[in-house]
Amino acid sequence: MGCYLRPQRLEEAVGALADGGYTVLAGGTDFYPARVGRAPDEAVLDITALDDLRGIAELGDSYRIGALTTWSEVIAASLPPMFDGLKLAAREVGGVQIQNAGTLCGNLCNASPAADGVPPLLTLAAEVELQSQTGSRRLPLADFVLGNRRTARRPDELVTAVYLPKPAGDVCSDFVKLGARTYLVISIVMVASLLERDADGRITAARLAVGSCAAQAQRLPALEQALLGKPLDNALPGLVDAVHLQPLSPIDDVRGSAEYRMEAAAQLLRRSLERLAGTSPGGAP
């Protein structure tokens, strides 16, 4: 059995990490299933007593989501429409028991290509805060998740929060997931979308991300550019074209072929844009 530490203060936690060799434990929803049938033999740093890392706070021009904030807390929180896509994703993370224990930041640190939290957080322009004994730094989420199970976190660093900038204008957001069944399933493809619009209902900013179609979730800059200036109406789904999917590189596996995933991604993008058009005064009901 390895060493087990449960610090009460952040300074203690980053001090322990400075010595290296610790596996960080938060919600445990990935940690424990990976060790079924055997006792953990590594040094474990349990951060669940660090209450300063809990909760969602509004900070003037941004929101802060602490590293120990659970999916259930995201679902229950009273939040503006920019969070609608993230809330929909939160409801797809396992069952209620997993949502009660699993943390949003743990989902990021796990860095699975099928992590439900990554696409909506990409559309929210999330930045990940990392703390060490030498100080703190922030990284855009796209620079934090480097690939399948790989992140930019150093062994001496602890992820402490995610920061989300407030949008400049009116916002609507969405999340759509395709799996082999409705609930409790790893995604085949998932799409998150966020659109900002002006007083005339025209799109001033667009961010769309696709998960489970590359080693990490990918934004679609060409499609985002094509949406700018367009009215938020039922014509939007027709703008999605195969050329917009070039950042994706899906693989064949037991859940679906690469060809199927590409077609599914296009269809989910159209569906998501259709749903967002329904939030516009001139859109679909």
C-alpha atoms as a PDB file:
ATOM      1  CA  MET A   1       0.000   0.000   0.000  1.00  0.00           C
ATOM      2  CA  GLY A   2       1.404   3.425  -0.964  1.00  0.00           C
ATOM      3  CA  CYS A   3       1.419   6.645   1.024  1.00  0.00           C
ATOM      4  CA  TYR A   4      -1.947   8.389   1.572  1.00  0.00           C
ATOM      5  CA  LEU A   5      -2.270  12.118   2.344  1.00  0.00           C
ATOM      6  CA  ARG A   6      -5.430  14.198   2.843  1.00  0.00           C
ATOM      7  CA  PRO A   7      -4.262  17.800   3.338  1.00  0.00           C
ATOM      8  CA  GLN A   8      -6.497  20.452   4.878  1.00  0.00           C
ATOM      9  CA  ARG A   9      -4.903  23.439   3.125  1.00  0.00           C
ATOM     10  CA  LEU A  10      -3.895  24.132  -0.472  1.00  0.00           C
ATOM     11  CA  GLU A  11      -0.354  24.963   0.655  1.00  0.00           C
ATOM     12  CA  GLU A  12      -0.005  21.462   2.094  1.00  0.00           C
ATOM     13  CA  ALA A  13      -1.279  19.883  -1.125  1.00  0.00           C
ATOM     14  CA  VAL A  14       1.099  21.698  -3.469  1.00  0.00           C
ATOM     15  CA  GLY A  15       3.913  21.153  -0.976  1.00  0.00           C
ATOM     16  CA  ALA A  16       3.347  17.406  -1.184  1.00  0.00           C
ATOM     17  CA  LEU A  17       3.201  17.552  -4.990  1.00  0.00           C
ATOM     18  CA  ALA A  18       6.524  19.391  -5.050  1.00  0.00           C
ATOM     19  CA  ASP A  19       8.109  16.133  -3.886  1.00  0.00           C
ATOM     20  CA  GLY A  20       6.525  14.354  -6.892  1.00  0.00           C
ATOM     21  CA  GLY A  21       5.102  10.882  -7.252  1.00  0.00           C
ATOM     22  CA  TYR A  22       1.534  11.489  -6.072  1.00  0.00           C
ATOM     23  CA  THR A  23      -1.683  10.515  -7.835  1.00  0.00           C
ATOM     24  CA  VAL A  24      -4.348  13.154  -7.159  1.00  0.00           C
ATOM     25  CA  LEU A  25      -7.720  11.852  -5.943  1.00  0.00           C
ATOM     26  CA  ALA A  26     -10.851  14.025  -6.149  1.00  0.00           C
ATOM     27  CA  GLY A  27     -14.201  12.418  -7.022  1.00  0.00           C
ATOM     28  CA  GLY A  28     -12.619   9.009  -7.600  1.00  0.00           C
ATOM     29  CA  THR A  29     -15.026   8.014 -10.388  1.00  0.00           C
ATOM     30  CA  ASP A  30     -12.099   7.203 -12.712  1.00  0.00           C
ATOM     31  CA  PHE A  31      -9.541   6.346 -10.005  1.00  0.00           C
ATOM     32  CA  TYR A  32     -11.409   3.487  -8.331  1.00  0.00           C
ATOM     33  CA  PRO A  33     -12.785   1.659 -11.411  1.00  0.00           C
ATOM     34  CA  ALA A  34      -9.245   1.512 -12.806  1.00  0.00           C
ATOM     35  CA  ARG A  35      -8.146  -0.388  -9.677  1.00  0.00           C
ATOM     36  CA  VAL A  36     -10.940  -2.903  -9.233  1.00  0.00           C
ATOM     37  CA  GLY A  37      -9.638  -6.097  -7.656  1.00  0.00           C
ATOM     38  CA  ARG A  38      -6.452  -4.623  -6.225  1.00  0.00           C
ATOM     39  CA  ALA A  39      -5.476  -2.164  -3.546  1.00  0.00           C
ATOM     40  CA  PRO A  40      -3.920   1.097  -4.775  1.00  0.00           C
ATOM     41  CA  ASP A  41      -0.153   0.748  -4.572  1.00  0.00           C
ATOM     42  CA  GLU A  42       0.799   4.320  -5.487  1.00  0.00           C
ATOM     43  CA  ALA A  43       1.127   7.425  -3.325  1.00  0.00           C
ATOM     44  CA  VAL A  44      -2.308   9.113  -3.199  1.00  0.00           C
ATOM     45  CA  LEU A  45      -3.033  12.792  -2.547  1.00  0.00           C
ATOM     46  CA  ASP A  46      -6.701  13.086  -1.558  1.00  0.00           C
ATOM     47  CA  ILE A  47      -7.789  16.719  -2.098  1.00  0.00           C
ATOM     48  CA  THR A  48     -11.391  16.348  -0.929  1.00  0.00           C
ATOM     49  CA  ALA A  49     -10.767  18.354   2.279  1.00  0.00           C
ATOM     50  CA  LEU A  50      -9.750  21.492   0.324  1.00  0.00           C
ATOM     51  CA  ASP A  51     -13.053  23.343   0.644  1.00  0.00           C
ATOM     52  CA  ASP A  52     -11.684  26.435  -1.147  1.00  0.00           C
ATOM     53  CA  LEU A  53     -11.756  24.365  -4.339  1.00  0.00           C
ATOM     54  CA  ARG A  54     -15.541  23.898  -4.226  1.00  0.00           C
ATOM     55  CA  GLY A  55     -18.332  25.877  -5.822  1.00  0.00           C
ATOM     56  CA  ILE A  56     -19.145  28.247  -8.673  1.00  0.00           C
ATOM     57  CA  ALA A  57     -18.476  31.965  -8.221  1.00  0.00           C
ATOM     58  CA  GLU A  58     -19.184  35.053 -10.332  1.00  0.00           C
ATOM     59  CA  LEU A  59     -16.116  37.290 -10.494  1.00  0.00           C
ATOM     60  CA  GLY A  60     -17.050  40.420 -12.420  1.00  0.00           C
ATOM     61  CA  ASP A  61     -16.002  39.569 -15.975  1.00  0.00           C
ATOM     62  CA  SER A  62     -15.822  35.787 -15.502  1.00  0.00           C
ATOM     63  CA  TYR A  63     -17.040  32.725 -13.626  1.00  0.00           C
ATOM     64  CA  ARG A  64     -14.837  30.438 -11.544  1.00  0.00           C
ATOM     65  CA  ILE A  65     -15.635  26.745 -11.138  1.00  0.00           C
ATOM     66  CA  GLY A  66     -13.561  25.193  -8.351  1.00  0.00           C
ATOM     67  CA  ALA A  67     -11.751  21.936  -8.991  1.00  0.00           C
ATOM     68  CA  LEU A  68     -13.917  19.961  -6.530  1.00  0.00           C
ATOM     69  CA  THR A  69     -17.229  21.154  -7.984  1.00  0.00           C
ATOM     70  CA  THR A  70     -19.324  18.127  -8.932  1.00  0.00           C
ATOM     71  CA  TRP A  71     -21.495  17.603 -11.967  1.00  0.00           C
ATOM     72  CA  SER A  72     -24.594  17.589  -9.749  1.00  0.00           C
ATOM     73  CA  GLU A  73     -23.634  21.025  -8.423  1.00  0.00           C
ATOM     74  CA  VAL A  74     -23.315  22.326 -11.994  1.00  0.00           C
ATOM     75  CA  ILE A  75     -26.766  20.937 -12.813  1.00  0.00           C
ATOM     76  CA  ALA A  76     -28.380  22.423  -9.691  1.00  0.00           C
ATOM     77  CA  ALA A  77     -26.770  25.875  -9.902  1.00  0.00           C
ATOM     78  CA  SER A  78     -28.756  28.866 -11.132  1.00  0.00           C
ATOM     79  CA  LEU A  79     -26.651  29.944 -14.107  1.00  0.00           C
ATOM     80  CA  PRO A  80     -27.145  32.067 -17.266  1.00  0.00           C
ATOM     81  CA  PRO A  81     -27.788  30.587 -20.753  1.00  0.00           C
ATOM     82  CA  MET A  82     -24.073  30.413 -21.574  1.00  0.00           C
ATOM     83  CA  PHE A  83     -24.041  27.372 -19.245  1.00  0.00           C
ATOM     84  CA  ASP A  84     -26.948  25.527 -20.890  1.00  0.00           C
ATOM     85  CA  GLY A  85     -24.653  23.334 -23.001  1.00  0.00           C
ATOM     86  CA  LEU A  86     -22.471  22.482 -20.005  1.00  0.00           C
ATOM     87  CA  LYS A  87     -25.544  21.576 -17.949  1.00  0.00           C
ATOM     88  CA  LEU A  88     -26.752  19.253 -20.708  1.00  0.00           C
ATOM     89  CA  ALA A  89     -23.321  17.601 -20.777  1.00  0.00           C
ATOM     90  CA  ALA A  90     -23.356  17.266 -16.971  1.00  0.00           C
ATOM     91  CA  ARG A  91     -26.540  15.192 -17.205  1.00  0.00           C
ATOM     92  CA  GLU A  92     -24.748  12.771 -19.565  1.00  0.00           C
ATOM     93  CA  VAL A  93     -21.871  11.982 -17.165  1.00  0.00           C
ATOM     94  CA  GLY A  94     -22.859   8.535 -15.913  1.00  0.00           C
ATOM     95  CA  GLY A  95     -25.784   8.208 -13.522  1.00  0.00           C
ATOM     96  CA  VAL A  96     -26.769  10.391 -10.593  1.00  0.00           C
ATOM     97  CA  GLN A  97     -24.320   8.642  -8.254  1.00  0.00           C
ATOM     98  CA  ILE A  98     -21.424   9.473 -10.599  1.00  0.00           C
ATOM     99  CA  GLN A  99     -22.674  13.040 -11.031  1.00  0.00           C
ATOM    100  CA  ASN A 100     -22.786  13.434  -7.234  1.00  0.00           C
ATOM    101  CA  ALA A 101     -19.151  12.367  -6.831  1.00  0.00           C
ATOM    102  CA  GLY A 102     -17.384  13.122 -10.112  1.00  0.00           C
ATOM    103  CA  THR A 103     -15.819  16.541 -10.599  1.00  0.00           C
ATOM    104  CA  LEU A 104     -15.703  18.717 -13.669  1.00  0.00           C
ATOM    105  CA  CYS A 105     -11.945  19.304 -13.340  1.00  0.00           C
ATOM    106  CA  GLY A 106     -11.302  15.599 -12.770  1.00  0.00           C
ATOM    107  CA  ASN A 107     -12.999  14.961 -16.103  1.00  0.00           C
ATOM    108  CA  LEU A 108     -10.531  17.367 -17.735  1.00  0.00           C
ATOM    109  CA  CYS A 109      -7.511  15.846 -16.017  1.00  0.00           C
ATOM    110  CA  ASN A 110      -8.554  12.361 -17.103  1.00  0.00           C
ATOM    111  CA  ALA A 111      -8.294  13.683 -20.683  1.00  0.00           C
ATOM    112  CA  SER A 112     -10.338  10.984 -22.357  1.00  0.00           C
ATOM    113  CA  PRO A 113     -11.189  11.713 -26.014  1.00  0.00           C
ATOM    114  CA  ALA A 114     -14.784  10.957 -24.975  1.00  0.00           C
ATOM    115  CA  ALA A 115     -14.808  13.252 -21.908  1.00  0.00           C
ATOM    116  CA  ASP A 116     -18.246  14.876 -21.915  1.00  0.00           C
ATOM    117  CA  GLY A 117     -17.059  18.082 -20.242  1.00  0.00           C
ATOM    118  CA  VAL A 118     -14.382  19.087 -22.744  1.00  0.00           C
ATOM    119  CA  PRO A 119     -16.459  20.162 -25.797  1.00  0.00           C
ATOM    120  CA  PRO A 120     -18.816  22.509 -23.905  1.00  0.00           C
ATOM    121  CA  LEU A 121     -15.910  23.999 -21.952  1.00  0.00           C
ATOM    122  CA  LEU A 122     -14.068  24.618 -25.219  1.00  0.00           C
ATOM    123  CA  THR A 123     -17.073  26.580 -26.476  1.00  0.00           C
ATOM    124  CA  LEU A 124     -17.018  28.548 -23.212  1.00  0.00           C
ATOM    125  CA  ALA A 125     -13.374  29.559 -23.865  1.00  0.00           C
ATOM    126  CA  ALA A 126     -12.362  27.919 -20.589  1.00  0.00           C
ATOM    127  CA  GLU A 127      -8.998  28.475 -18.964  1.00  0.00           C
ATOM    128  CA  VAL A 128      -7.538  25.942 -16.530  1.00  0.00           C
ATOM    129  CA  GLU A 129      -5.797  27.244 -13.400  1.00  0.00           C
ATOM    130  CA  LEU A 130      -2.823  25.273 -12.085  1.00  0.00           C
ATOM    131  CA  GLN A 131      -1.127  25.878  -8.743  1.00  0.00           C
ATOM    132  CA  SER A 132       2.341  24.851  -7.544  1.00  0.00           C
ATOM    133  CA  GLN A 133       4.710  25.966  -4.824  1.00  0.00           C
ATOM    134  CA  THR A 134       6.286  28.423  -7.270  1.00  0.00           C
ATOM    135  CA  GLY A 135       2.985  30.109  -8.192  1.00  0.00           C
ATOM    136  CA  SER A 136      -0.070  29.730 -10.396  1.00  0.00           C
ATOM    137  CA  ARG A 137      -0.654  29.822 -14.127  1.00  0.00           C
ATOM    138  CA  ARG A 138      -3.611  29.596 -16.488  1.00  0.00           C
ATOM    139  CA  LEU A 139      -3.816  27.698 -19.738  1.00  0.00           C
ATOM    140  CA  PRO A 140      -6.544  27.738 -22.386  1.00  0.00           C
ATOM    141  CA  LEU A 141      -8.290  24.380 -22.248  1.00  0.00           C
ATOM    142  CA  ALA A 142      -7.108  23.601 -25.807  1.00  0.00           C
ATOM    143  CA  ASP A 143      -3.507  23.899 -24.552  1.00  0.00           C
ATOM    144  CA  PHE A 144      -4.180  21.932 -21.363  1.00  0.00           C
ATOM    145  CA  VAL A 145      -5.570  18.743 -22.942  1.00  0.00           C
ATOM    146  CA  LEU A 146      -2.768  17.486 -25.194  1.00  0.00           C
ATOM    147  CA  GLY A 147      -4.200  14.166 -26.374  1.00  0.00           C
ATOM    148  CA  ASN A 148      -5.542  10.830 -25.210  1.00  0.00           C
ATOM    149  CA  ARG A 149      -4.978  10.775 -21.406  1.00  0.00           C
ATOM    150  CA  ARG A 150      -2.340  13.523 -21.701  1.00  0.00           C
ATOM    151  CA  THR A 151      -2.429  17.017 -20.216  1.00  0.00           C
ATOM    152  CA  ALA A 152      -0.002  19.897 -19.687  1.00  0.00           C
ATOM    153  CA  ARG A 153      -0.164  19.542 -15.887  1.00  0.00           C
ATOM    154  CA  ARG A 154       3.285  19.096 -14.366  1.00  0.00           C
ATOM    155  CA  PRO A 155       3.741  16.518 -11.558  1.00  0.00           C
ATOM    156  CA  ASP A 156       4.210  19.377  -9.066  1.00  0.00           C
ATOM    157  CA  GLU A 157       0.980  21.144 -10.073  1.00  0.00           C
ATOM    158  CA  LEU A 158      -2.621  20.861  -8.910  1.00  0.00           C
ATOM    159  CA  VAL A 159      -5.582  21.953 -11.025  1.00  0.00           C
ATOM    160  CA  THR A 160      -7.493  24.353  -8.783  1.00  0.00           C
ATOM    161  CA  ALA A 161     -10.232  25.857 -10.975  1.00  0.00           C
ATOM    162  CA  VAL A 162     -11.635  26.585 -14.410  1.00  0.00           C
ATOM    163  CA  TYR A 163     -12.328  30.190 -15.435  1.00  0.00           C
ATOM    164  CA  LEU A 164     -14.980  31.112 -18.013  1.00  0.00           C
ATOM    165  CA  PRO A 165     -15.145  34.650 -19.454  1.00  0.00           C
ATOM    166  CA  LYS A 166     -18.530  36.316 -19.657  1.00  0.00           C
ATOM    167  CA  PRO A 167     -19.729  36.825 -23.242  1.00  0.00           C
ATOM    168  CA  ALA A 168     -20.125  40.285 -24.709  1.00  0.00           C
ATOM    169  CA  GLY A 169     -23.658  39.772 -26.007  1.00  0.00           C
ATOM    170  CA  ASP A 170     -26.743  37.595 -25.840  1.00  0.00           C
ATOM    171  CA  VAL A 171     -25.808  33.892 -25.829  1.00  0.00           C
ATOM    172  CA  CYS A 172     -27.348  30.495 -26.450  1.00  0.00           C
ATOM    173  CA  SER A 173     -25.555  27.169 -26.029  1.00  0.00           C
ATOM    174  CA  ASP A 174     -26.238  23.485 -26.580  1.00  0.00           C
ATOM    175  CA  PHE A 175     -24.803  19.973 -26.233  1.00  0.00           C
ATOM    176  CA  VAL A 176     -25.798  16.842 -28.172  1.00  0.00           C
ATOM    177  CA  LYS A 177     -24.416  13.351 -27.623  1.00  0.00           C
ATOM    178  CA  LEU A 178     -24.744  10.181 -29.686  1.00  0.00           C
ATOM    179  CA  GLY A 179     -24.273   6.843 -27.938  1.00  0.00           C
ATOM    180  CA  ALA A 180     -25.343   3.241 -28.337  1.00  0.00           C
ATOM    181  CA  ARG A 181     -28.178   3.967 -25.890  1.00  0.00           C
ATOM    182  CA  THR A 182     -29.670   7.014 -24.201  1.00  0.00           C
ATOM    183  CA  TYR A 183     -27.924   6.966 -20.815  1.00  0.00           C
ATOM    184  CA  LEU A 184     -24.822   5.601 -19.076  1.00  0.00           C
ATOM    185  CA  VAL A 185     -22.796   5.244 -22.247  1.00  0.00           C
ATOM    186  CA  ILE A 186     -19.481   6.393 -23.719  1.00  0.00           C
ATOM    187  CA  SER A 187     -20.133   8.728 -26.609  1.00  0.00           C
ATOM    188  CA  ILE A 188     -19.716   7.835 -30.270  1.00  0.00           C
ATOM    189  CA  VAL A 189     -19.797  11.534 -31.164  1.00  0.00           C
ATOM    190  CA  MET A 190     -20.727  14.651 -29.201  1.00  0.00           C
ATOM    191  CA  VAL A 191     -21.165  18.258 -30.245  1.00  0.00           C
ATOM    192  CA  ALA A 192     -21.192  21.440 -28.183  1.00  0.00           C
ATOM    193  CA  SER A 193     -22.136  24.804 -29.626  1.00  0.00           C
ATOM    194  CA  LEU A 194     -22.329  28.374 -28.394  1.00  0.00           C
ATOM    195  CA  LEU A 195     -23.542  31.392 -30.362  1.00  0.00           C
ATOM    196  CA  GLU A 196     -23.487  35.071 -29.439  1.00  0.00           C
ATOM    197  CA  ARG A 197     -25.903  37.402 -31.226  1.00  0.00           C
ATOM    198  CA  ASP A 198     -26.549  41.111 -31.497  1.00  0.00           C
ATOM    199  CA  ALA A 199     -29.813  43.020 -31.049  1.00  0.00           C
ATOM    200  CA  ASP A 200     -30.805  42.180 -34.642  1.00  0.00           C
ATOM    201  CA  GLY A 201     -30.370  38.448 -34.015  1.00  0.00           C
ATOM    202  CA  ARG A 202     -27.221  38.130 -36.120  1.00  0.00           C
ATOM    203  CA  ILE A 203     -24.349  35.946 -34.960  1.00  0.00           C
ATOM    204  CA  THR A 204     -21.377  37.927 -33.660  1.00  0.00           C
ATOM    205  CA  ALA A 205     -19.363  35.005 -32.271  1.00  0.00           C
ATOM    206  CA  ALA A 206     -19.582  31.245 -32.762  1.00  0.00           C
ATOM    207  CA  ARG A 207     -17.760  28.396 -31.063  1.00  0.00           C
ATOM    208  CA  LEU A 208     -18.430  24.744 -31.941  1.00  0.00           C
ATOM    209  CA  ALA A 209     -16.544  21.695 -30.676  1.00  0.00           C
ATOM    210  CA  VAL A 210     -16.742  17.988 -31.476  1.00  0.00           C
ATOM    211  CA  GLY A 211     -15.656  15.200 -29.112  1.00  0.00           C
ATOM    212  CA  SER A 212     -14.868  11.490 -29.671  1.00  0.00           C
ATOM    213  CA  CYS A 213     -13.631  12.247 -33.185  1.00  0.00           C
ATOM    214  CA  ALA A 214      -9.926  12.865 -32.449  1.00  0.00           C
ATOM    215  CA  ALA A 215      -7.404  12.320 -29.669  1.00  0.00           C
ATOM    216  CA  GLN A 216      -8.954  15.396 -28.028  1.00  0.00           C
ATOM    217  CA  ALA A 217     -12.073  17.447 -28.697  1.00  0.00           C
ATOM    218  CA  GLN A 218     -11.680  19.841 -31.611  1.00  0.00           C
ATOM    219  CA  ARG A 219     -13.054  23.299 -32.406  1.00  0.00           C
ATOM    220  CA  LEU A 220     -14.277  23.871 -35.981  1.00  0.00           C
ATOM    221  CA  PRO A 221     -12.913  27.319 -36.974  1.00  0.00           C
ATOM    222  CA  ALA A 222     -14.070  27.189 -40.604  1.00  0.00           C
ATOM    223  CA  LEU A 223     -17.674  26.515 -39.602  1.00  0.00           C
ATOM    224  CA  GLU A 224     -17.464  29.146 -36.862  1.00  0.00           C
ATOM    225  CA  GLN A 225     -16.331  31.695 -39.449  1.00  0.00           C
ATOM    226  CA  ALA A 226     -19.112  30.673 -41.856  1.00  0.00           C
ATOM    227  CA  LEU A 227     -21.738  31.401 -39.193  1.00  0.00           C
ATOM    228  CA  LEU A 228     -20.604  34.958 -38.449  1.00  0.00           C
ATOM    229  CA  GLY A 229     -23.057  37.638 -39.514  1.00  0.00           C
ATOM    230  CA  LYS A 230     -25.801  35.118 -40.249  1.00  0.00           C
ATOM    231  CA  PRO A 231     -29.248  35.465 -38.684  1.00  0.00           C
ATOM    232  CA  LEU A 232     -30.000  32.924 -35.984  1.00  0.00           C
ATOM    233  CA  ASP A 233     -32.676  31.041 -37.938  1.00  0.00           C
ATOM    234  CA  ASN A 234     -33.475  27.690 -39.509  1.00  0.00           C
ATOM    235  CA  ALA A 235     -31.056  28.269 -42.410  1.00  0.00           C
ATOM    236  CA  LEU A 236     -28.064  27.639 -40.135  1.00  0.00           C
ATOM    237  CA  PRO A 237     -28.034  23.806 -40.345  1.00  0.00           C
ATOM    238  CA  GLY A 238     -27.724  24.026 -44.133  1.00  0.00           C
ATOM    239  CA  LEU A 239     -24.385  25.806 -43.771  1.00  0.00           C
ATOM    240  CA  VAL A 240     -22.652  22.711 -42.345  1.00  0.00           C
ATOM    241  CA  ASP A 241     -20.374  21.197 -44.997  1.00  0.00           C
ATOM    242  CA  ALA A 242     -17.861  18.343 -45.058  1.00  0.00           C
ATOM    243  CA  VAL A 243     -15.015  20.833 -45.461  1.00  0.00           C
ATOM    244  CA  HIS A 244     -15.796  22.195 -41.999  1.00  0.00           C
ATOM    245  CA  LEU A 245     -14.945  18.808 -40.437  1.00  0.00           C
ATOM    246  CA  GLN A 246     -11.291  18.752 -41.522  1.00  0.00           C
ATOM    247  CA  PRO A 247      -9.931  19.142 -37.949  1.00  0.00           C
ATOM    248  CA  LEU A 248     -11.513  15.782 -37.059  1.00  0.00           C
ATOM    249  CA  SER A 249      -9.638  12.473 -37.302  1.00  0.00           C
ATOM    250  CA  PRO A 250     -11.951   9.736 -35.964  1.00  0.00           C
ATOM    251  CA  ILE A 251     -10.881   6.115 -35.622  1.00  0.00           C
ATOM    252  CA  ASP A 252     -12.619   2.797 -36.129  1.00  0.00           C
ATOM    253  CA  ASP A 253     -13.491   1.052 -32.863  1.00  0.00           C
ATOM    254  CA  VAL A 254     -16.231  -1.097 -31.331  1.00  0.00           C
ATOM    255  CA  ARG A 255     -18.560   1.917 -31.025  1.00  0.00           C
ATOM    256  CA  GLY A 256     -18.426   2.942 -34.682  1.00  0.00           C
ATOM    257  CA  SER A 257     -16.331   3.359 -37.807  1.00  0.00           C
ATOM    258  CA  ALA A 258     -14.462   6.540 -38.683  1.00  0.00           C
ATOM    259  CA  GLU A 259     -16.788   7.090 -41.654  1.00  0.00           C
ATOM    260  CA  TYR A 260     -19.866   6.735 -39.463  1.00  0.00           C
ATOM    261  CA  ARG A 261     -18.459   9.152 -36.901  1.00  0.00           C
ATOM    262  CA  MET A 262     -17.788  11.814 -39.548  1.00  0.00           C
ATOM    263  CA  GLU A 263     -21.338  11.569 -40.874  1.00  0.00           C
ATOM    264  CA  ALA A 264     -22.751  11.537 -37.349  1.00  0.00           C
ATOM    265  CA  ALA A 265     -20.716  14.626 -36.440  1.00  0.00           C
ATOM    266  CA  ALA A 266     -22.174  16.537 -39.394  1.00  0.00           C
ATOM    267  CA  GLN A 267     -25.699  15.500 -38.464  1.00  0.00           C
ATOM    268  CA  LEU A 268     -25.259  16.416 -34.786  1.00  0.00           C
ATOM    269  CA  LEU A 269     -23.866  19.830 -35.764  1.00  0.00           C
ATOM    270  CA  ARG A 270     -26.951  20.447 -37.897  1.00  0.00           C
ATOM    271  CA  ARG A 271     -29.213  19.260 -35.090  1.00  0.00           C
ATOM    272  CA  SER A 272     -27.518  21.487 -32.537  1.00  0.00           C
ATOM    273  CA  LEU A 273     -27.736  24.564 -34.766  1.00  0.00           C
ATOM    274  CA  GLU A 274     -31.408  23.798 -35.408  1.00  0.00           C
ATOM    275  CA  ARG A 275     -32.010  23.626 -31.658  1.00  0.00           C
ATOM    276  CA  LEU A 276     -30.225  26.935 -31.104  1.00  0.00           C
ATOM    277  CA  ALA A 277     -32.265  28.544 -33.862  1.00  0.00           C
ATOM    278  CA  GLY A 278     -35.298  27.560 -31.815  1.00  0.00           C
ATOM    279  CA  THR A 279     -34.117  29.945 -29.077  1.00  0.00           C
ATOM    280  CA  SER A 280     -34.340  32.897 -31.493  1.00  0.00           C
ATOM    281  CA  PRO A 281     -37.545  34.960 -31.705  1.00  0.00           C
ATOM    282  CA  GLY A 282     -37.729  34.106 -35.400  1.00  0.00           C
ATOM    283  CA  GLY A 283     -36.599  30.543 -35.027  1.00  0.00           C
ATOM    284  CA  ALA A 284     -38.359  27.226 -34.831  1.00  0.00           C
ATOM    285  CA  PRO A 285     -40.620  26.529 -31.845  1.00  0.00           C
END
